[in-house]
């Protein structure tokens, strides 16, 4: 039996949504309960970090406007190719986060790009995983509306 060609786009869309649902489900299961921390890299742009210390994985989340215009948004200079610098900026943010939370000995062992705004990094450390509830160094979170 021959299927109408009009159904092909619907089938492809369903496959695409299945992939998004898997990523969404994974992120929700592993990161939704975590409080975001903010790390700022050399271009003075903040990235939210959700660190699952028990799994030794962190989710770096960027801002859509920054990913469209590139790193130099705060300098009123548009990056002509933000996609080219994206991977480097996310890796720099992940490394800076580990350094700023006193885990300089940890190394990044892998990464998974979920979409242009979210990348997960796996990391390994020589020290054992902390027990739940252990007080660890934290970076500030984002509190819009609070003046300092």
C-alpha atoms as a PDB file:
ATOM      1  CA  UNK A   1       0.000   0.000   0.000  1.00  0.00           C
ATOM      2  CA  UNK A   2       1.368   3.402  -0.946  1.00  0.00           C
ATOM      3  CA  UNK A   3       1.220   6.162   1.696  1.00  0.00           C
ATOM      4  CA  UNK A   4       0.577   9.775   0.748  1.00  0.00           C
ATOM      5  CA  UNK A   5       3.725  11.934   0.595  1.00  0.00           C
ATOM      6  CA  UNK A   6       2.023  14.485   2.850  1.00  0.00           C
ATOM      7  CA  UNK A   7       2.416  12.113   5.833  1.00  0.00           C
ATOM      8  CA  UNK A   8       6.223  12.041   5.566  1.00  0.00           C
ATOM      9  CA  UNK A   9       6.775  15.453   7.227  1.00  0.00           C
ATOM     10  CA  UNK A  10       4.492  14.393  10.091  1.00  0.00           C
ATOM     11  CA  UNK A  11       6.514  11.236  10.629  1.00  0.00           C
ATOM     12  CA  UNK A  12       9.795  13.148  10.609  1.00  0.00           C
ATOM     13  CA  UNK A  13       8.393  15.704  13.033  1.00  0.00           C
ATOM     14  CA  UNK A  14       7.299  12.921  15.383  1.00  0.00           C
ATOM     15  CA  UNK A  15      10.806  11.421  15.312  1.00  0.00           C
ATOM     16  CA  UNK A  16      12.295  14.843  16.049  1.00  0.00           C
ATOM     17  CA  UNK A  17       9.946  15.388  18.975  1.00  0.00           C
ATOM     18  CA  UNK A  18      10.791  11.960  20.354  1.00  0.00           C
ATOM     19  CA  UNK A  19      14.447  13.034  20.498  1.00  0.00           C
ATOM     20  CA  UNK A  20      13.547  16.329  22.192  1.00  0.00           C
ATOM     21  CA  UNK A  21      11.355  14.517  24.696  1.00  0.00           C
ATOM     22  CA  UNK A  22      14.220  12.186  25.588  1.00  0.00           C
ATOM     23  CA  UNK A  23      16.550  15.170  26.206  1.00  0.00           C
ATOM     24  CA  UNK A  24      13.862  17.021  28.139  1.00  0.00           C
ATOM     25  CA  UNK A  25      13.116  13.950  30.232  1.00  0.00           C
ATOM     26  CA  UNK A  26      16.813  13.386  30.986  1.00  0.00           C
ATOM     27  CA  UNK A  27      17.395  17.030  31.926  1.00  0.00           C
ATOM     28  CA  UNK A  28      14.272  17.104  34.093  1.00  0.00           C
ATOM     29  CA  UNK A  29      15.231  13.906  35.892  1.00  0.00           C
ATOM     30  CA  UNK A  30      18.839  14.936  36.586  1.00  0.00           C
ATOM     31  CA  UNK A  31      18.819  18.725  36.947  1.00  0.00           C
ATOM     32  CA  UNK A  32      15.365  20.157  37.731  1.00  0.00           C
ATOM     33  CA  UNK A  33      15.792  19.981  41.521  1.00  0.00           C
ATOM     34  CA  UNK A  34      19.177  21.722  41.497  1.00  0.00           C
ATOM     35  CA  UNK A  35      19.695  25.399  42.210  1.00  0.00           C
ATOM     36  CA  UNK A  36      21.529  27.107  39.357  1.00  0.00           C
ATOM     37  CA  UNK A  37      24.856  28.802  39.976  1.00  0.00           C
ATOM     38  CA  UNK A  38      26.263  31.488  37.716  1.00  0.00           C
ATOM     39  CA  UNK A  39      29.750  31.484  36.230  1.00  0.00           C
ATOM     40  CA  UNK A  40      31.084  34.358  34.169  1.00  0.00           C
ATOM     41  CA  UNK A  41      33.761  33.833  31.551  1.00  0.00           C
ATOM     42  CA  UNK A  42      36.221  36.277  29.986  1.00  0.00           C
ATOM     43  CA  UNK A  43      33.628  37.942  27.795  1.00  0.00           C
ATOM     44  CA  UNK A  44      31.764  38.954  30.973  1.00  0.00           C
ATOM     45  CA  UNK A  45      28.707  36.928  30.021  1.00  0.00           C
ATOM     46  CA  UNK A  46      27.026  34.727  32.646  1.00  0.00           C
ATOM     47  CA  UNK A  47      26.212  31.062  32.146  1.00  0.00           C
ATOM     48  CA  UNK A  48      23.911  29.148  34.485  1.00  0.00           C
ATOM     49  CA  UNK A  49      25.388  25.920  35.812  1.00  0.00           C
ATOM     50  CA  UNK A  50      23.363  23.048  37.225  1.00  0.00           C
ATOM     51  CA  UNK A  51      25.892  20.766  38.927  1.00  0.00           C
ATOM     52  CA  UNK A  52      24.857  17.216  39.769  1.00  0.00           C
ATOM     53  CA  UNK A  53      27.825  16.396  41.985  1.00  0.00           C
ATOM     54  CA  UNK A  54      26.584  12.871  42.687  1.00  0.00           C
ATOM     55  CA  UNK A  55      26.688  12.026  38.964  1.00  0.00           C
ATOM     56  CA  UNK A  56      29.699  14.268  38.301  1.00  0.00           C
ATOM     57  CA  UNK A  57      27.884  16.008  35.481  1.00  0.00           C
ATOM     58  CA  UNK A  58      26.970  19.650  34.966  1.00  0.00           C
ATOM     59  CA  UNK A  59      24.500  21.308  32.649  1.00  0.00           C
ATOM     60  CA  UNK A  60      25.605  24.674  31.251  1.00  0.00           C
ATOM     61  CA  UNK A  61      22.726  26.883  30.078  1.00  0.00           C
ATOM     62  CA  UNK A  62      23.187  30.003  27.998  1.00  0.00           C
ATOM     63  CA  UNK A  63      20.991  32.900  26.979  1.00  0.00           C
ATOM     64  CA  UNK A  64      19.277  32.833  23.553  1.00  0.00           C
ATOM     65  CA  UNK A  65      20.186  36.429  22.728  1.00  0.00           C
ATOM     66  CA  UNK A  66      23.862  35.819  23.545  1.00  0.00           C
ATOM     67  CA  UNK A  67      23.939  32.689  21.384  1.00  0.00           C
ATOM     68  CA  UNK A  68      22.453  34.621  18.497  1.00  0.00           C
ATOM     69  CA  UNK A  69      24.751  37.637  18.766  1.00  0.00           C
ATOM     70  CA  UNK A  70      27.827  35.991  20.273  1.00  0.00           C
ATOM     71  CA  UNK A  71      29.948  36.731  23.259  1.00  0.00           C
ATOM     72  CA  UNK A  72      30.417  40.464  22.818  1.00  0.00           C
ATOM     73  CA  UNK A  73      26.828  41.458  23.514  1.00  0.00           C
ATOM     74  CA  UNK A  74      27.745  43.558  26.555  1.00  0.00           C
ATOM     75  CA  UNK A  75      30.307  45.477  24.497  1.00  0.00           C
ATOM     76  CA  UNK A  76      27.675  46.417  21.870  1.00  0.00           C
ATOM     77  CA  UNK A  77      29.756  44.566  19.286  1.00  0.00           C
ATOM     78  CA  UNK A  78      28.091  41.758  17.363  1.00  0.00           C
ATOM     79  CA  UNK A  79      30.156  38.598  16.914  1.00  0.00           C
ATOM     80  CA  UNK A  80      29.978  37.842  13.173  1.00  0.00           C
ATOM     81  CA  UNK A  81      30.012  34.061  13.739  1.00  0.00           C
ATOM     82  CA  UNK A  82      28.703  33.148  17.214  1.00  0.00           C
ATOM     83  CA  UNK A  83      28.346  29.472  16.252  1.00  0.00           C
ATOM     84  CA  UNK A  84      32.107  29.269  15.726  1.00  0.00           C
ATOM     85  CA  UNK A  85      32.876  30.447  19.271  1.00  0.00           C
ATOM     86  CA  UNK A  86      29.962  28.642  20.965  1.00  0.00           C
ATOM     87  CA  UNK A  87      31.733  25.360  21.747  1.00  0.00           C
ATOM     88  CA  UNK A  88      34.783  27.173  23.109  1.00  0.00           C
ATOM     89  CA  UNK A  89      32.639  29.463  25.290  1.00  0.00           C
ATOM     90  CA  UNK A  90      30.695  26.547  26.809  1.00  0.00           C
ATOM     91  CA  UNK A  91      33.911  24.605  27.501  1.00  0.00           C
ATOM     92  CA  UNK A  92      35.474  27.715  29.038  1.00  0.00           C
ATOM     93  CA  UNK A  93      32.415  28.163  31.276  1.00  0.00           C
ATOM     94  CA  UNK A  94      32.583  24.518  32.407  1.00  0.00           C
ATOM     95  CA  UNK A  95      36.298  24.760  33.227  1.00  0.00           C
ATOM     96  CA  UNK A  96      35.849  28.104  35.014  1.00  0.00           C
ATOM     97  CA  UNK A  97      33.026  26.635  37.084  1.00  0.00           C
ATOM     98  CA  UNK A  98      35.147  23.703  38.274  1.00  0.00           C
ATOM     99  CA  UNK A  99      38.027  26.055  39.107  1.00  0.00           C
ATOM    100  CA  UNK A 100      35.805  28.528  40.974  1.00  0.00           C
ATOM    101  CA  UNK A 101      34.227  25.757  43.059  1.00  0.00           C
ATOM    102  CA  UNK A 102      37.690  24.610  44.217  1.00  0.00           C
ATOM    103  CA  UNK A 103      37.928  21.559  41.967  1.00  0.00           C
ATOM    104  CA  UNK A 104      40.951  22.477  39.892  1.00  0.00           C
ATOM    105  CA  UNK A 105      42.048  18.815  39.906  1.00  0.00           C
ATOM    106  CA  UNK A 106      38.859  17.709  38.142  1.00  0.00           C
ATOM    107  CA  UNK A 107      38.975  17.167  34.398  1.00  0.00           C
ATOM    108  CA  UNK A 108      36.203  17.272  31.824  1.00  0.00           C
ATOM    109  CA  UNK A 109      35.728  13.824  30.326  1.00  0.00           C
ATOM    110  CA  UNK A 110      32.864  14.317  27.889  1.00  0.00           C
ATOM    111  CA  UNK A 111      30.115  16.576  26.633  1.00  0.00           C
ATOM    112  CA  UNK A 112      26.637  16.247  25.210  1.00  0.00           C
ATOM    113  CA  UNK A 113      25.064  19.117  23.287  1.00  0.00           C
ATOM    114  CA  UNK A 114      21.289  19.092  23.814  1.00  0.00           C
ATOM    115  CA  UNK A 115      20.632  22.243  21.781  1.00  0.00           C
ATOM    116  CA  UNK A 116      22.400  25.571  21.139  1.00  0.00           C
ATOM    117  CA  UNK A 117      21.522  26.755  24.660  1.00  0.00           C
ATOM    118  CA  UNK A 118      22.275  23.633  26.728  1.00  0.00           C
ATOM    119  CA  UNK A 119      25.370  21.452  26.959  1.00  0.00           C
ATOM    120  CA  UNK A 120      26.116  18.802  29.562  1.00  0.00           C
ATOM    121  CA  UNK A 121      29.689  18.111  30.655  1.00  0.00           C
ATOM    122  CA  UNK A 122      30.826  14.961  32.439  1.00  0.00           C
ATOM    123  CA  UNK A 123      33.814  15.378  34.725  1.00  0.00           C
ATOM    124  CA  UNK A 124      36.080  13.197  36.832  1.00  0.00           C
ATOM    125  CA  UNK A 125      37.887  14.101  40.041  1.00  0.00           C
ATOM    126  CA  UNK A 126      40.508  12.297  42.107  1.00  0.00           C
ATOM    127  CA  UNK A 127      38.560  12.997  45.305  1.00  0.00           C
ATOM    128  CA  UNK A 128      35.593  10.808  46.287  1.00  0.00           C
ATOM    129  CA  UNK A 129      32.044  11.970  45.627  1.00  0.00           C
ATOM    130  CA  UNK A 130      30.689  13.952  48.567  1.00  0.00           C
ATOM    131  CA  UNK A 131      27.839  12.531  50.604  1.00  0.00           C
ATOM    132  CA  UNK A 132      24.478  14.206  50.044  1.00  0.00           C
ATOM    133  CA  UNK A 133      24.092  17.235  52.264  1.00  0.00           C
ATOM    134  CA  UNK A 134      27.824  18.001  52.439  1.00  0.00           C
ATOM    135  CA  UNK A 135      28.492  21.748  52.410  1.00  0.00           C
ATOM    136  CA  UNK A 136      30.467  22.560  49.260  1.00  0.00           C
ATOM    137  CA  UNK A 137      31.710  25.822  47.694  1.00  0.00           C
ATOM    138  CA  UNK A 138      28.944  27.509  45.707  1.00  0.00           C
ATOM    139  CA  UNK A 139      28.802  30.401  43.311  1.00  0.00           C
ATOM    140  CA  UNK A 140      26.033  32.961  43.454  1.00  0.00           C
ATOM    141  CA  UNK A 141      22.779  32.263  41.659  1.00  0.00           C
ATOM    142  CA  UNK A 142      20.854  34.668  39.556  1.00  0.00           C
ATOM    143  CA  UNK A 143      18.496  36.991  41.416  1.00  0.00           C
ATOM    144  CA  UNK A 144      16.923  39.345  38.894  1.00  0.00           C
ATOM    145  CA  UNK A 145      15.584  42.498  40.451  1.00  0.00           C
ATOM    146  CA  UNK A 146      17.924  42.556  43.408  1.00  0.00           C
ATOM    147  CA  UNK A 147      20.211  45.560  43.393  1.00  0.00           C
ATOM    148  CA  UNK A 148      23.653  45.214  44.897  1.00  0.00           C
END
